[in-house]
Every structure is written in C-alpha cells, then in structure tokens.
Amino acid sequence: MQLQSADQVWKRIEAVARAGRGVIATDGDGTLWGGDVGEDLFHAFVGHGEVADPALEAMRREAREHGLSDAGSGPDVARRIYAAYLAGGFPEEPVYELMTWCFAGWTRDRVAAFAREVVDRCGVKSRLHREVLEVLARARAAGIPTLLVSASPVAIVTAAGAHAGFTVDQIVAAHPRFDGEVMLADVERPIPYGPGKVSRLLERIGPDVALYAAFGDNAFDVPLLAGARIGVAVRPKPRLRERAHEVAGLVELEPLG
C-alpha cells in the first residue's frame, strides 16, 4: 500500500467526483476513532450488571450453542462469551450481534442515554483520527455526502459519530429489534459487518449512487473498500494488510497523530 497524506487522498477523491452522484463512507471503530465503541458499550453494560431476563435467556442459549457453560448470572455468561471470542472460540459476527441486543428488556431511550454516557466517559472525542476528519471536512465543503458505516450498535455509533459531524440519517449501524419501545434479544440482519456493510450501505444510498471512497482499518472492511472507487486504509490492522491485495489500488492514509 502506498502511504498518502490527507491532501493527496482528497485530490484523488476530487478527481473521481467530478461527474455523477456519489458518497464517501467510513468505518467507525479503529478508522474514524481509536478503539471499539461497541466493546466500550458492552463492557460498561456488563459492569453495570443489569441483564434483564430476555437478554439472559438469549445469552445462555448462545453460550450452549457454542459449547460454553450457561451457568451464573448475566454478567458471568456475557464475560464467558467474550473471553471465548477473544480466544477464537466464538465467531465475530454473532458476538457483534450480541453486543447489539444485550440490552434486551431495556427501553430505547434508556439505551440511548446509557450510550451517550459511555461515549463521554470513554473520551471518544479525544480518540478521533485527525487525518480522516480532514478528508471528511473537505468532502462536506465540496457538497459530497458522507456516511458512517459500523457493525457496532446504532446507539453508541450515533453518540460517537456526533463528535465527527455525523447526524443519525448519515449512520449505518447494527440495529436491535424492538417491541414498541422495549428492545428484543434480536437484530436486523445482516448487520453492517463484512459483506453486510456493503448491502446495508446500498440500501441507504441506492444502486445508482457511486461510492467515491471508503475508509477502513480491518479485514472485515475489505468488501466495503473493494466496492469503492478509492479504497483507503486507516492505521491498518495486520489482518487488513494480509488482505490488501484484494482491494485494487488500496492506499494507506498517513496518520496525523
């Protein structure tokens, strides 16, 4: 991957955006900001300790289905699943789904308020990557729509994305299902993970709108990066470097600290 500055990346975007209609999409965790806000939210939830019965029942079912013990309290089961995920014994996509529906039994407004508190407490604003913000600012000034596409829960992505200038209608994230205002232990599938990032983005923008550029940091961003006219790696993880050959012309955005 060729290392390019924010100015160089913007000039490339500007060149492909001269005709037609298009957008720019960026991943959130590890790309727009350091760390993973979905995990921040999950750990705060587990630490809070209030796992309602619908979530506990679903977590126990997930544990059994993946060969894990379902014994103990809600936080016990949640921690066991997360430990198995870190050890490679629980798949990524289902664990991201669990992090989205783990608030089952809570109301929509309560989850949103909890997410905002987590974003403030974890200092997400100070974790934003300046180099990505610079390119997004130029795109917005040029009238190019920008979207935030993340597999993390919509409540936390909305709270974090606001610090980078994203409004709720510009966010594509993992959505839990609700019965009225109460969360269910289920999600709208596919969540924006791997190929789901592309399908969910296309649902939002439509098939006739070009993806001028996409920004990502990890292997599960490859479908999104490959679907853009310009794929941009941001502080790429080793797994993305290993798959860089799958994205034609992938460039690496130079960090700004």
Protein backbone atom coordinates (compact mmCIF):
# COMPACT_ATOMS: atom_id res chain seq x y z
CA MET A 1 0.00 0.00 0.00
CA GLN A 2 1.22 3.44 -0.89
CA LEU A 3 1.24 5.91 2.01
CA GLN A 4 -0.59 9.11 1.12
CA SER A 5 -1.39 12.30 3.02
CA ALA A 6 -4.90 13.55 3.62
CA ASP A 7 -4.30 16.15 0.91
CA GLN A 8 -3.24 13.51 -1.60
CA VAL A 9 -6.21 11.29 -0.80
CA TRP A 10 -8.59 14.22 -1.11
CA LYS A 11 -7.19 15.16 -4.53
CA ARG A 12 -7.82 11.61 -5.73
CA ILE A 13 -11.40 11.75 -4.44
CA GLU A 14 -11.91 15.15 -6.01
CA ALA A 15 -10.82 13.74 -9.37
CA VAL A 16 -13.31 10.84 -9.37
CA ALA A 17 -16.13 13.03 -8.01
CA ARG A 18 -16.24 15.45 -10.91
CA ALA A 19 -19.14 13.70 -12.63
CA GLY A 20 -22.23 11.93 -11.38
CA ARG A 21 -23.59 11.42 -7.89
CA GLY A 22 -21.62 9.76 -5.15
CA VAL A 23 -20.81 9.47 -1.47
CA ILE A 24 -17.92 8.74 0.87
CA ALA A 25 -18.23 6.05 3.54
CA THR A 26 -16.06 5.44 6.57
CA ASP A 27 -15.90 2.67 9.11
CA GLY A 28 -16.03 3.76 12.75
CA ASP A 29 -14.05 1.55 15.14
CA GLY A 30 -10.32 1.79 14.52
CA THR A 31 -10.89 4.01 11.48
CA LEU A 32 -12.73 7.18 12.45
CA TRP A 33 -11.68 6.80 16.08
CA GLY A 34 -9.27 4.67 18.05
CA GLY A 35 -10.65 1.62 19.82
CA ASP A 36 -14.04 -0.03 19.54
CA VAL A 37 -17.08 1.80 20.91
CA GLY A 38 -19.21 -1.32 20.63
CA GLU A 39 -16.88 -3.04 23.07
CA ASP A 40 -16.82 0.07 25.25
CA LEU A 41 -20.61 -0.11 25.46
CA PHE A 42 -20.64 -3.86 26.11
CA HIS A 43 -18.08 -3.68 28.92
CA ALA A 44 -19.96 -0.78 30.52
CA PHE A 45 -23.19 -2.79 30.29
CA VAL A 46 -21.61 -5.86 31.87
CA GLY A 47 -20.08 -3.71 34.60
CA HIS A 48 -23.46 -2.10 35.24
CA GLY A 49 -24.78 -5.58 35.90
CA GLU A 50 -28.43 -5.24 34.95
CA VAL A 51 -29.04 -8.02 32.45
CA ALA A 52 -32.80 -8.38 32.00
CA ASP A 53 -34.43 -11.79 31.67
CA PRO A 54 -34.87 -11.70 27.85
CA ALA A 55 -31.17 -10.95 27.38
CA LEU A 56 -30.08 -13.52 29.94
CA GLU A 57 -32.13 -16.25 28.29
CA ALA A 58 -30.69 -15.40 24.86
CA MET A 59 -27.11 -15.22 26.17
CA ARG A 60 -27.47 -18.62 27.82
CA ARG A 61 -28.77 -20.06 24.55
CA GLU A 62 -25.82 -18.56 22.63
CA ALA A 63 -23.38 -19.99 25.18
CA ARG A 64 -24.82 -23.50 24.88
CA GLU A 65 -24.87 -23.36 21.09
CA HIS A 66 -21.14 -22.58 21.09
CA GLY A 67 -20.16 -25.22 23.63
CA LEU A 68 -19.89 -22.89 26.60
CA SER A 69 -21.36 -23.15 30.08
CA ASP A 70 -24.53 -21.13 30.62
CA ALA A 71 -24.14 -21.10 34.41
CA GLY A 72 -24.12 -17.99 36.55
CA SER A 73 -25.54 -14.50 36.30
CA GLY A 74 -25.98 -12.43 33.15
CA PRO A 75 -22.62 -10.70 33.54
CA ASP A 76 -20.99 -14.11 34.17
CA VAL A 77 -22.34 -15.53 30.92
CA ALA A 78 -21.54 -12.36 28.98
CA ARG A 79 -17.93 -12.36 30.19
CA ARG A 80 -17.59 -16.06 29.35
CA ILE A 81 -18.79 -15.47 25.79
CA TYR A 82 -16.47 -12.50 25.35
CA ALA A 83 -13.48 -14.48 26.65
CA ALA A 84 -14.29 -17.27 24.20
CA TYR A 85 -14.50 -14.71 21.39
CA LEU A 86 -11.04 -13.36 22.26
CA ALA A 87 -9.70 -16.93 22.29
CA GLY A 88 -11.17 -17.67 18.87
CA GLY A 89 -13.94 -19.91 20.23
CA PHE A 90 -16.91 -17.66 19.44
CA PRO A 91 -17.47 -16.13 15.96
CA GLU A 92 -17.11 -12.39 15.40
CA GLU A 93 -20.42 -11.60 13.74
CA PRO A 94 -22.60 -13.32 16.39
CA VAL A 95 -20.67 -11.59 19.17
CA TYR A 96 -21.28 -8.21 17.49
CA GLU A 97 -24.95 -9.09 17.27
CA LEU A 98 -24.97 -9.99 20.97
CA MET A 99 -23.35 -6.66 21.82
CA THR A 100 -26.27 -5.02 19.99
CA TRP A 101 -29.15 -6.92 21.62
CA CYS A 102 -27.64 -7.43 25.11
CA PHE A 103 -29.84 -4.59 26.41
CA ALA A 104 -32.98 -6.63 25.67
CA GLY A 105 -35.65 -5.61 28.18
CA TRP A 106 -34.40 -2.01 28.33
CA THR A 107 -36.25 0.84 26.63
CA ARG A 108 -34.92 2.59 23.56
CA ASP A 109 -34.43 5.91 25.37
CA ARG A 110 -32.61 4.28 28.27
CA VAL A 111 -30.16 2.54 25.94
CA ALA A 112 -29.50 5.79 24.07
CA ALA A 113 -28.84 7.68 27.32
CA PHE A 114 -26.53 4.92 28.55
CA ALA A 115 -24.62 5.02 25.24
CA ARG A 116 -24.13 8.79 25.46
CA GLU A 117 -22.75 8.42 28.98
CA VAL A 118 -20.29 5.76 27.77
CA VAL A 119 -19.08 7.94 24.89
CA ASP A 120 -18.44 10.83 27.27
CA ARG A 121 -16.81 8.65 29.93
CA CYS A 122 -14.54 6.89 27.44
CA GLY A 123 -13.39 10.14 25.85
CA VAL A 124 -14.30 9.18 22.30
CA LYS A 125 -13.98 12.78 21.14
CA SER A 126 -10.27 12.72 22.01
CA ARG A 127 -9.84 9.42 20.12
CA LEU A 128 -10.93 10.76 16.72
CA HIS A 129 -8.39 10.35 13.92
CA ARG A 130 -7.49 13.77 12.58
CA GLU A 131 -6.45 12.56 9.15
CA VAL A 132 -9.89 11.09 8.46
CA LEU A 133 -11.63 14.18 9.83
CA GLU A 134 -9.60 16.34 7.45
CA VAL A 135 -10.72 14.40 4.39
CA LEU A 136 -14.35 14.34 5.58
CA ALA A 137 -14.30 18.09 6.15
CA ARG A 138 -13.13 18.69 2.58
CA ALA A 139 -15.79 16.35 1.23
CA ARG A 140 -18.55 18.13 3.14
CA ALA A 141 -17.30 21.50 1.99
CA ALA A 142 -17.48 20.22 -1.59
CA GLY A 143 -21.04 19.01 -1.05
CA ILE A 144 -20.22 15.29 -1.12
CA PRO A 145 -22.39 13.31 1.33
CA THR A 146 -20.51 11.33 3.99
CA LEU A 147 -21.76 8.23 5.76
CA LEU A 148 -20.58 6.32 8.80
CA VAL A 149 -20.87 2.52 8.43
CA SER A 150 -20.23 0.41 11.50
CA ALA A 151 -21.04 -3.05 12.90
CA SER A 152 -21.31 -1.55 16.38
CA PRO A 153 -24.74 -0.85 17.93
CA VAL A 154 -26.55 2.13 16.48
CA ALA A 155 -26.99 3.81 19.89
CA ILE A 156 -23.26 4.07 20.53
CA VAL A 157 -22.36 4.82 16.90
CA THR A 158 -24.85 7.68 16.87
CA ALA A 159 -23.45 9.12 20.09
CA ALA A 160 -19.83 8.75 18.95
CA GLY A 161 -20.46 9.84 15.37
CA ALA A 162 -21.98 13.11 16.51
CA HIS A 163 -18.50 14.19 17.61
CA ALA A 164 -17.34 13.77 13.99
CA GLY A 165 -20.26 15.67 12.48
CA PHE A 166 -22.50 12.73 11.56
CA THR A 167 -26.24 13.01 12.02
CA VAL A 168 -28.46 9.99 12.63
CA ASP A 169 -29.57 9.86 8.98
CA GLN A 170 -25.91 9.55 7.93
CA ILE A 171 -25.25 6.47 10.07
CA VAL A 172 -25.49 2.83 9.04
CA ALA A 173 -25.03 0.60 12.10
CA ALA A 174 -26.28 -2.55 13.83
CA HIS A 175 -29.93 -2.17 14.81
CA PRO A 176 -31.61 -4.23 17.53
CA ARG A 177 -35.25 -5.17 17.11
CA PHE A 178 -37.89 -3.61 19.35
CA ASP A 179 -41.36 -4.45 20.56
CA GLY A 180 -42.72 -0.93 20.81
CA GLU A 181 -40.08 0.86 22.85
CA VAL A 182 -38.58 -2.23 24.51
CA MET A 183 -35.54 -3.94 22.99
CA LEU A 184 -35.76 -7.58 21.97
CA ALA A 185 -32.91 -10.10 22.02
CA ASP A 186 -32.56 -9.92 18.24
CA VAL A 187 -31.10 -7.73 15.50
CA GLU A 188 -31.95 -6.65 11.98
CA ARG A 189 -29.83 -8.88 9.74
CA PRO A 190 -27.43 -8.61 8.18
CA ILE A 191 -25.65 -6.23 10.49
CA PRO A 192 -23.08 -3.98 8.73
CA TYR A 193 -20.24 -6.49 9.06
CA GLY A 194 -18.16 -7.75 6.13
CA PRO A 195 -20.44 -8.00 3.06
CA GLY A 196 -23.25 -6.67 5.25
CA LYS A 197 -21.52 -3.29 5.26
CA VAL A 198 -21.98 -3.06 1.51
CA SER A 199 -25.57 -4.33 1.40
CA ARG A 200 -26.70 -2.05 4.22
CA LEU A 201 -24.96 0.95 2.66
CA LEU A 202 -26.58 0.27 -0.71
CA GLU A 203 -29.98 0.10 0.97
CA ARG A 204 -29.34 3.60 2.26
CA ILE A 205 -27.90 5.27 -0.84
CA GLY A 206 -29.48 3.25 -3.66
CA PRO A 207 -27.80 1.35 -6.50
CA ASP A 208 -27.27 4.35 -8.78
CA VAL A 209 -25.10 6.35 -6.38
CA ALA A 210 -21.34 5.85 -6.68
CA LEU A 211 -19.12 5.10 -3.70
CA TYR A 212 -16.29 7.51 -4.38
CA ALA A 213 -14.14 6.40 -1.46
CA ALA A 214 -14.29 4.14 1.56
CA PHE A 215 -12.14 4.13 4.68
CA GLY A 216 -11.43 1.07 6.84
CA ASP A 217 -8.87 -0.47 9.16
CA ASN A 218 -9.52 -4.22 9.34
CA ALA A 219 -10.20 -7.35 7.30
CA PHE A 220 -13.98 -7.14 7.64
CA ASP A 221 -13.82 -3.76 5.86
CA VAL A 222 -12.45 -5.40 2.69
CA PRO A 223 -15.83 -5.71 0.90
CA LEU A 224 -16.55 -2.02 1.57
CA LEU A 225 -13.08 -0.93 0.48
CA ALA A 226 -13.21 -3.09 -2.64
CA GLY A 227 -16.57 -1.64 -3.61
CA ALA A 228 -15.27 1.92 -3.68
CA ARG A 229 -13.50 3.71 -6.50
CA ILE A 230 -10.80 4.55 -3.96
CA GLY A 231 -10.13 2.27 -1.02
CA VAL A 232 -8.30 3.92 1.87
CA ALA A 233 -6.71 2.00 4.75
CA VAL A 234 -6.54 3.93 8.04
CA ARG A 235 -3.95 2.75 10.56
CA PRO A 236 -4.47 -0.76 9.11
CA LYS A 237 -4.51 -3.82 11.33
CA PRO A 238 -2.32 -6.79 10.34
CA ARG A 239 -5.38 -8.67 9.07
CA LEU A 240 -6.13 -5.90 6.58
CA ARG A 241 -2.51 -5.77 5.44
CA GLU A 242 -2.69 -9.50 4.78
CA ARG A 243 -5.69 -8.97 2.51
CA ALA A 244 -4.63 -5.69 0.91
CA HIS A 245 -4.16 -7.46 -2.43
CA GLU A 246 -7.95 -7.97 -2.58
CA VAL A 247 -8.55 -4.22 -2.93
CA ALA A 248 -7.20 -2.85 -6.20
CA GLY A 249 -5.22 0.35 -5.70
CA LEU A 250 -5.65 0.38 -1.91
CA VAL A 251 -3.77 3.29 -0.35
CA GLU A 252 -2.84 3.97 3.26
CA LEU A 253 -3.76 7.30 4.81
CA GLU A 254 -0.86 8.93 6.61
CA PRO A 255 -1.64 9.34 10.35
CA LEU A 256 -1.70 12.81 11.85
CA GLY A 257 -1.11 11.71 15.43
